Protein backbone atom coordinates (compact mmCIF):
# COMPACT_ATOMS: atom_id res chain seq x y z
CA MET A 1 -37.01 45.52 -9.32
CA ASN A 2 -36.42 42.51 -11.52
CA CYS A 3 -33.29 41.06 -13.08
CA CYS A 4 -34.40 41.28 -16.71
CA ASP A 5 -32.57 43.50 -19.14
CA GLU A 6 -34.21 45.75 -21.73
CA TYR A 7 -34.24 42.96 -24.33
CA GLY A 8 -36.30 40.59 -22.15
CA ASP A 9 -33.41 38.33 -21.17
CA CYS A 10 -34.16 37.33 -17.56
CA ARG A 11 -31.36 35.90 -15.47
CA GLN A 12 -32.38 35.56 -11.89
CA GLY A 13 -29.17 34.31 -10.46
CA ARG A 14 -27.97 34.14 -6.90
CA ASP A 15 -27.32 37.88 -6.64
CA CYS A 16 -30.62 39.03 -8.14
CA PRO A 17 -32.50 41.31 -5.71
CA ALA A 18 -35.87 40.21 -7.09
CA ARG A 19 -35.53 36.77 -5.52
CA VAL A 20 -37.84 36.08 -2.62
CA ALA A 21 -35.56 33.80 -0.63
CA PRO A 22 -31.76 33.54 -0.70
CA ILE A 23 -30.23 30.46 -2.26
CA GLY A 24 -28.58 28.16 0.25
CA ARG A 25 -25.84 25.59 -0.24
CA ARG A 26 -26.85 21.99 -0.82
CA THR A 27 -23.87 20.64 1.09
CA PRO A 28 -22.29 22.27 4.10
CA ARG A 29 -19.11 24.16 3.37
CA TYR A 30 -17.25 22.66 6.32
CA PRO A 31 -18.78 19.33 7.36
CA GLU A 32 -18.53 18.62 11.04
CA ALA A 33 -15.84 16.15 11.96
CA VAL A 34 -17.05 13.16 13.91
CA PRO A 35 -14.84 12.84 16.98
CA GLU A 36 -13.32 9.40 17.40
CA SER A 37 -13.19 7.78 20.76
CA ARG A 38 -9.89 6.74 22.30
CA SER A 39 -10.82 3.08 22.20
CA ARG A 40 -11.42 3.21 18.45
CA ILE A 41 -8.05 4.90 17.87
CA TYR A 42 -6.37 2.30 20.11
CA LEU A 43 -8.04 -0.58 18.25
CA ARG A 44 -7.03 0.85 14.89
CA SER A 45 -3.37 1.19 15.93
CA LEU A 46 -3.44 -2.30 17.46
CA ALA A 47 -4.83 -3.75 14.22
CA LYS A 48 -2.09 -2.02 12.20
CA ALA A 49 0.59 -3.38 14.53
CA LEU A 50 -0.83 -6.91 14.33
CA LEU A 51 -0.99 -6.80 10.54
CA LEU A 52 2.59 -5.58 10.34
CA THR A 53 3.75 -8.32 12.72
CA LEU A 54 1.87 -10.95 10.72
CA ALA A 55 3.44 -9.71 7.48
CA VAL A 56 6.96 -9.88 8.97
CA ILE A 57 6.35 -13.41 10.27
CA LEU A 58 4.98 -14.52 6.91
CA VAL A 59 7.93 -13.10 4.98
CA SER A 60 10.45 -14.66 7.35
CA ALA A 61 8.68 -18.05 7.20
CA LEU A 62 8.69 -17.98 3.41
CA THR A 63 12.37 -17.05 3.40
CA VAL A 64 13.26 -20.00 5.63
CA ALA A 65 11.03 -22.35 3.62
CA LEU A 66 12.60 -21.38 0.30
CA ILE A 67 16.23 -21.90 1.38
CA PRO A 68 17.60 -24.88 -0.53
CA LYS A 69 18.28 -27.95 1.60
CA SER A 70 21.32 -29.11 -0.32
CA VAL A 71 24.22 -27.43 -2.04
CA ARG A 72 25.13 -28.27 -5.62
CA TYR A 73 28.65 -27.77 -6.85
CA ASP A 74 29.65 -27.26 -10.44
CA CYS A 75 32.24 -29.89 -11.25
CA ALA A 76 33.63 -27.82 -14.12
CA THR A 77 34.94 -25.19 -11.71
CA ALA A 78 35.32 -27.29 -8.55
CA GLU A 79 39.09 -27.72 -8.92
CA ILE A 80 39.86 -24.03 -9.11
CA HIS A 81 37.17 -22.61 -6.81
CA PRO A 82 38.41 -22.04 -3.24
CA ASP A 83 34.99 -22.45 -1.55
CA VAL A 84 34.40 -26.03 -2.71
CA PRO A 85 35.20 -28.53 0.08
CA PRO A 86 37.77 -31.26 -0.59
CA ALA A 87 35.13 -34.02 -0.42
CA ALA A 88 33.15 -32.42 -3.23
CA LYS A 89 36.34 -32.04 -5.29
CA ALA A 90 37.05 -35.77 -4.80
CA LYS A 91 33.54 -36.70 -5.92
CA CYS A 92 33.95 -34.59 -9.03
CA ARG A 93 37.28 -36.27 -9.83
CA ASN A 94 35.85 -39.79 -9.33
CA ARG A 95 32.82 -39.00 -11.43
CA PHE A 96 34.85 -38.51 -14.60
CA LEU A 97 37.07 -41.62 -14.13
């Protein structure tokens, strides 16, 4: 038995009974999972925790470093703004005299 039709068109595919050997898969359908040891899982979680801690420390250090050291008051609104201390209001008044 062959897999050619009456016109001479031969298609010997996977299901052709004239094949000598069955066609196998090139890659396994379900590759075997490599079991991880407990120490590797522990080290991976420890590394993630250390990286997260380092990121939090870096962000907090940058936040503290970028806080301005002095406060600037706008003299145009110093008289009417309630949060401006009296000393700053006096400096603004003396500046324009």
